[in-house]
Each structure stands twice: as C-alpha cells, then as structure tokens.
Amino acid sequence: MKFIYGLGLSVAVLIIACSCSKSPTNSTETPPIYTEPVKTEVSFWLTKGDQTALLKKQNIALNFSATSNSSPTIEVDPNTTFQTIDGFGYT
C-alpha cells in the first residue's frame, strides 16, 4: 500500500513539475543593450557576492596612468638572511 501511495505521489509531483506555464505575451521587459567591447590589454572578469554577475567579462577599460608611485616601495635583498623557518603551523 505504501508503494502505491509513494508511486502516485511521485507521478503527481512529476506532472506538476513538468506542467506548462505560459508567461504573458505583453511583457514590459526591455531587451539587453549591446555594448561594444573596449579595446584594452587587460581583461576584467567579475563575480559578485549577491550572484548578479557570475564570472562575467566586463567591458570597462582598465587603463593605468604613468604617474609615479606615491606609496612606499619595499625592496628585498635575496642575499640577506635573518632567520630560518622550519615550517608554519603544526609540524
């Protein structure tokens, strides 16, 4: 009896899931606007936390200026050793 009830319920759920739902023909949706790709040497792909953009290529020019760096510059001398490290965390 449980098998017949479960089978009937499964068939009913399948019919409901596959039922045809028609959307209204007078939709007020505007078609997407096509934008020309920007010519740049850098590609910019974006993923947002709210999932409005999932790894979507952006048409924004990422042009870098030739101005000098105002931030401090860190220079590393590979010939100077201060301390050896065996590992990080649990070893």
N, C-alpha and C. Protein backbone atom coordinates (compact mmCIF):
# COMPACT_ATOMS: atom_id res chain seq x y z
N MET A 1 0.83 -1.19 0.00
CA MET A 1 0.00 0.00 0.00
C MET A 1 0.88 1.26 0.00
N LYS A 2 1.97 1.24 0.79
CA LYS A 2 2.87 2.39 0.84
C LYS A 2 3.53 2.61 -0.52
N PHE A 3 3.82 1.52 -1.22
CA PHE A 3 4.45 1.63 -2.53
C PHE A 3 3.52 2.33 -3.52
N ILE A 4 2.26 1.96 -3.53
CA ILE A 4 1.29 2.56 -4.45
C ILE A 4 1.10 4.04 -4.11
N TYR A 5 1.03 4.34 -2.82
CA TYR A 5 0.88 5.74 -2.39
C TYR A 5 2.11 6.56 -2.80
N GLY A 6 3.29 6.01 -2.59
CA GLY A 6 4.52 6.70 -2.96
C GLY A 6 4.64 6.88 -4.46
N LEU A 7 4.24 5.86 -5.23
CA LEU A 7 4.28 5.94 -6.68
C LEU A 7 3.30 7.00 -7.19
N GLY A 8 2.10 7.02 -6.62
CA GLY A 8 1.10 8.02 -7.02
C GLY A 8 1.57 9.43 -6.69
N LEU A 9 2.17 9.60 -5.53
CA LEU A 9 2.68 10.91 -5.13
C LEU A 9 3.82 11.34 -6.06
N SER A 10 4.70 10.42 -6.42
CA SER A 10 5.81 10.74 -7.32
C SER A 10 5.30 11.15 -8.70
N VAL A 11 4.29 10.44 -9.20
CA VAL A 11 3.72 10.78 -10.50
C VAL A 11 3.06 12.15 -10.45
N ALA A 12 2.35 12.45 -9.36
CA ALA A 12 1.70 13.76 -9.22
C ALA A 12 2.73 14.88 -9.18
N VAL A 13 3.81 14.69 -8.44
CA VAL A 13 4.87 15.71 -8.37
C VAL A 13 5.51 15.88 -9.74
N LEU A 14 5.73 14.79 -10.46
CA LEU A 14 6.33 14.86 -11.79
C LEU A 14 5.42 15.62 -12.76
N ILE A 15 4.13 15.38 -12.70
CA ILE A 15 3.18 16.07 -13.58
C ILE A 15 3.16 17.56 -13.26
N ILE A 16 3.16 17.90 -11.99
CA ILE A 16 3.15 19.32 -11.59
C ILE A 16 4.44 20.00 -12.03
N ALA A 17 5.57 19.31 -11.87
CA ALA A 17 6.85 19.91 -12.23
C ALA A 17 6.99 20.11 -13.74
N CYS A 18 6.39 19.23 -14.51
CA CYS A 18 6.51 19.32 -15.97
C CYS A 18 5.36 20.07 -16.62
N SER A 19 4.44 20.60 -15.83
CA SER A 19 3.29 21.29 -16.41
C SER A 19 3.75 22.55 -17.11
N CYS A 20 3.04 22.91 -18.13
CA CYS A 20 3.40 24.07 -18.95
C CYS A 20 2.80 25.32 -18.32
N SER A 21 3.64 26.27 -18.02
CA SER A 21 3.15 27.55 -17.52
C SER A 21 3.49 28.60 -18.54
N LYS A 22 2.47 29.28 -19.02
CA LYS A 22 2.67 30.28 -20.07
C LYS A 22 2.85 31.64 -19.42
N SER A 23 3.83 32.38 -19.90
CA SER A 23 4.05 33.73 -19.41
C SER A 23 3.23 34.68 -20.28
N PRO A 24 2.86 35.83 -19.76
CA PRO A 24 2.07 36.77 -20.55
C PRO A 24 2.86 37.26 -21.76
N THR A 25 2.14 37.50 -22.86
CA THR A 25 2.80 37.91 -24.10
C THR A 25 3.11 39.39 -24.12
N ASN A 26 2.46 40.18 -23.29
CA ASN A 26 2.70 41.62 -23.27
C ASN A 26 3.71 41.97 -22.18
N SER A 27 4.88 41.42 -22.30
CA SER A 27 5.92 41.64 -21.31
C SER A 27 6.49 43.06 -21.45
N THR A 28 6.79 43.68 -20.32
CA THR A 28 7.36 45.03 -20.33
C THR A 28 8.87 44.99 -20.21
N GLU A 29 9.46 43.81 -20.38
CA GLU A 29 10.91 43.67 -20.29
C GLU A 29 11.58 44.35 -21.47
N THR A 30 12.63 45.09 -21.19
CA THR A 30 13.38 45.72 -22.26
C THR A 30 14.50 44.79 -22.70
N PRO A 31 14.79 44.74 -23.98
CA PRO A 31 15.88 43.88 -24.44
C PRO A 31 17.21 44.40 -23.94
N PRO A 32 18.19 43.51 -23.74
CA PRO A 32 19.50 43.97 -23.26
C PRO A 32 20.18 44.87 -24.29
N ILE A 33 20.89 45.85 -23.80
CA ILE A 33 21.59 46.79 -24.66
C ILE A 33 22.98 46.24 -24.95
N TYR A 34 23.32 46.16 -26.21
CA TYR A 34 24.63 45.65 -26.62
C TYR A 34 25.65 46.77 -26.53
N THR A 35 26.73 46.50 -25.84
CA THR A 35 27.81 47.48 -25.75
C THR A 35 29.04 46.92 -26.46
N GLU A 36 29.72 47.78 -27.16
CA GLU A 36 30.92 47.37 -27.87
C GLU A 36 32.02 47.00 -26.88
N PRO A 37 32.76 45.93 -27.13
CA PRO A 37 33.88 45.60 -26.25
C PRO A 37 34.94 46.69 -26.29
N VAL A 38 35.50 46.98 -25.15
CA VAL A 38 36.52 48.01 -25.03
C VAL A 38 37.87 47.39 -25.40
N LYS A 39 38.65 48.09 -26.18
CA LYS A 39 39.98 47.62 -26.58
C LYS A 39 40.99 47.98 -25.50
N THR A 40 41.49 46.99 -24.80
CA THR A 40 42.47 47.19 -23.75
C THR A 40 43.32 45.94 -23.63
N GLU A 41 44.47 46.04 -23.01
CA GLU A 41 45.36 44.90 -22.85
C GLU A 41 45.00 44.05 -21.63
N VAL A 42 44.09 44.53 -20.81
CA VAL A 42 43.74 43.84 -19.58
C VAL A 42 42.29 43.40 -19.65
N SER A 43 42.02 42.12 -19.34
CA SER A 43 40.65 41.62 -19.26
C SER A 43 40.18 41.70 -17.82
N PHE A 44 38.93 42.05 -17.63
CA PHE A 44 38.37 42.21 -16.30
C PHE A 44 37.14 41.33 -16.18
N TRP A 45 37.22 40.28 -15.35
CA TRP A 45 36.12 39.35 -15.12
C TRP A 45 35.62 39.57 -13.70
N LEU A 46 34.32 39.57 -13.51
CA LEU A 46 33.74 39.94 -12.22
C LEU A 46 32.78 38.87 -11.72
N THR A 47 32.86 38.57 -10.43
CA THR A 47 31.88 37.75 -9.74
C THR A 47 31.46 38.52 -8.50
N LYS A 48 30.15 38.71 -8.33
CA LYS A 48 29.64 39.45 -7.19
C LYS A 48 29.11 38.49 -6.14
N GLY A 49 29.13 38.90 -4.89
CA GLY A 49 28.66 38.08 -3.79
C GLY A 49 27.17 37.81 -3.85
N ASP A 50 26.39 38.74 -4.39
CA ASP A 50 24.95 38.53 -4.48
C ASP A 50 24.55 37.79 -5.75
N GLN A 51 25.51 37.28 -6.50
CA GLN A 51 25.35 36.46 -7.69
C GLN A 51 24.63 37.17 -8.83
N THR A 52 24.72 38.50 -8.90
CA THR A 52 24.17 39.21 -10.05
C THR A 52 25.12 39.13 -11.23
N ALA A 53 26.38 38.83 -10.98
CA ALA A 53 27.37 38.61 -12.03
C ALA A 53 28.23 37.42 -11.61
N LEU A 54 28.20 36.36 -12.40
CA LEU A 54 28.98 35.17 -12.11
C LEU A 54 30.04 34.98 -13.18
N LEU A 55 31.26 35.37 -12.87
CA LEU A 55 32.41 35.29 -13.77
C LEU A 55 32.04 35.84 -15.14
N LYS A 56 31.64 37.10 -15.15
CA LYS A 56 31.17 37.78 -16.36
C LYS A 56 32.23 38.79 -16.80
N LYS A 57 32.58 38.75 -18.09
CA LYS A 57 33.58 39.67 -18.61
C LYS A 57 33.00 41.07 -18.66
N GLN A 58 33.76 42.03 -18.15
CA GLN A 58 33.30 43.41 -18.07
C GLN A 58 33.87 44.22 -19.23
N ASN A 59 33.08 45.13 -19.75
CA ASN A 59 33.52 46.00 -20.84
C ASN A 59 33.95 47.35 -20.30
N ILE A 60 34.85 47.31 -19.34
CA ILE A 60 35.37 48.53 -18.72
C ILE A 60 36.87 48.59 -19.03
N ALA A 61 37.31 49.74 -19.49
CA ALA A 61 38.73 49.90 -19.80
C ALA A 61 39.53 50.07 -18.52
N LEU A 62 40.52 49.23 -18.34
CA LEU A 62 41.42 49.34 -17.19
C LEU A 62 42.73 49.94 -17.68
N ASN A 63 42.74 51.23 -17.80
CA ASN A 63 43.93 51.94 -18.26
C ASN A 63 44.68 52.49 -17.06
N PHE A 64 45.96 52.21 -17.03
CA PHE A 64 46.79 52.64 -15.92
C PHE A 64 47.58 53.87 -16.33
N SER A 65 47.68 54.81 -15.41
CA SER A 65 48.38 56.05 -15.72
C SER A 65 49.88 55.87 -15.53
N ALA A 66 50.63 56.80 -16.07
CA ALA A 66 52.08 56.75 -16.00
C ALA A 66 52.62 57.61 -14.86
N THR A 67 51.78 57.93 -13.86
CA THR A 67 52.24 58.75 -12.74
C THR A 67 53.13 57.92 -11.83
N SER A 68 53.94 58.59 -11.04
CA SER A 68 54.86 57.90 -10.15
C SER A 68 54.10 57.32 -8.95
N ASN A 69 54.69 56.32 -8.34
CA ASN A 69 54.10 55.65 -7.20
C ASN A 69 54.30 56.49 -5.95
N SER A 70 53.23 56.86 -5.27
CA SER A 70 53.34 57.65 -4.05
C SER A 70 53.41 56.78 -2.80
N SER A 71 53.19 55.46 -2.96
CA SER A 71 53.26 54.54 -1.82
C SER A 71 54.71 54.13 -1.59
N PRO A 72 55.04 53.70 -0.36
CA PRO A 72 56.41 53.26 -0.10
C PRO A 72 56.72 51.97 -0.87
N THR A 73 57.95 51.84 -1.31
CA THR A 73 58.39 50.67 -2.05
C THR A 73 59.23 49.79 -1.14
N ILE A 74 58.92 48.49 -1.13
CA ILE A 74 59.66 47.53 -0.32
C ILE A 74 60.67 46.83 -1.23
N GLU A 75 61.93 46.93 -0.86
CA GLU A 75 62.98 46.28 -1.63
C GLU A 75 63.52 45.11 -0.81
N VAL A 76 63.60 43.93 -1.45
CA VAL A 76 64.06 42.72 -0.78
C VAL A 76 65.43 42.35 -1.32
N ASP A 77 66.39 42.16 -0.39
CA ASP A 77 67.73 41.74 -0.76
C ASP A 77 67.81 40.22 -0.57
N PRO A 78 67.91 39.44 -1.64
CA PRO A 78 67.92 37.98 -1.50
C PRO A 78 69.20 37.45 -0.87
N ASN A 79 70.24 38.26 -0.74
CA ASN A 79 71.49 37.81 -0.15
C ASN A 79 71.50 37.93 1.37
N THR A 80 70.53 38.63 1.95
CA THR A 80 70.48 38.81 3.39
C THR A 80 69.50 37.81 4.00
N THR A 81 69.98 37.00 4.97
CA THR A 81 69.13 36.03 5.66
C THR A 81 69.06 36.42 7.13
N PHE A 82 67.86 36.57 7.66
CA PHE A 82 67.68 36.96 9.05
C PHE A 82 67.40 35.77 9.95
N GLN A 83 66.54 34.84 9.51
CA GLN A 83 66.17 33.72 10.35
C GLN A 83 65.67 32.60 9.45
N THR A 84 66.01 31.35 9.81
CA THR A 84 65.49 30.22 9.04
C THR A 84 64.14 29.80 9.61
N ILE A 85 63.32 29.23 8.77
CA ILE A 85 61.98 28.80 9.17
C ILE A 85 61.85 27.32 8.85
N ASP A 86 61.44 26.52 9.86
CA ASP A 86 61.22 25.09 9.64
C ASP A 86 59.85 24.84 9.02
N GLY A 87 58.88 25.64 9.34
CA GLY A 87 57.53 25.45 8.80
C GLY A 87 56.54 26.31 9.55
N PHE A 88 55.34 26.34 9.07
CA PHE A 88 54.28 27.11 9.71
C PHE A 88 53.20 26.15 10.20
N GLY A 89 52.61 26.46 11.32
CA GLY A 89 51.52 25.63 11.83
C GLY A 89 52.03 24.37 12.49
N TYR A 90 51.22 23.34 12.45
CA TYR A 90 51.54 22.07 13.09
C TYR A 90 52.57 21.33 12.28
N THR A 91 53.72 21.00 12.90
CA THR A 91 54.76 20.25 12.20
C THR A 91 55.16 19.05 13.00
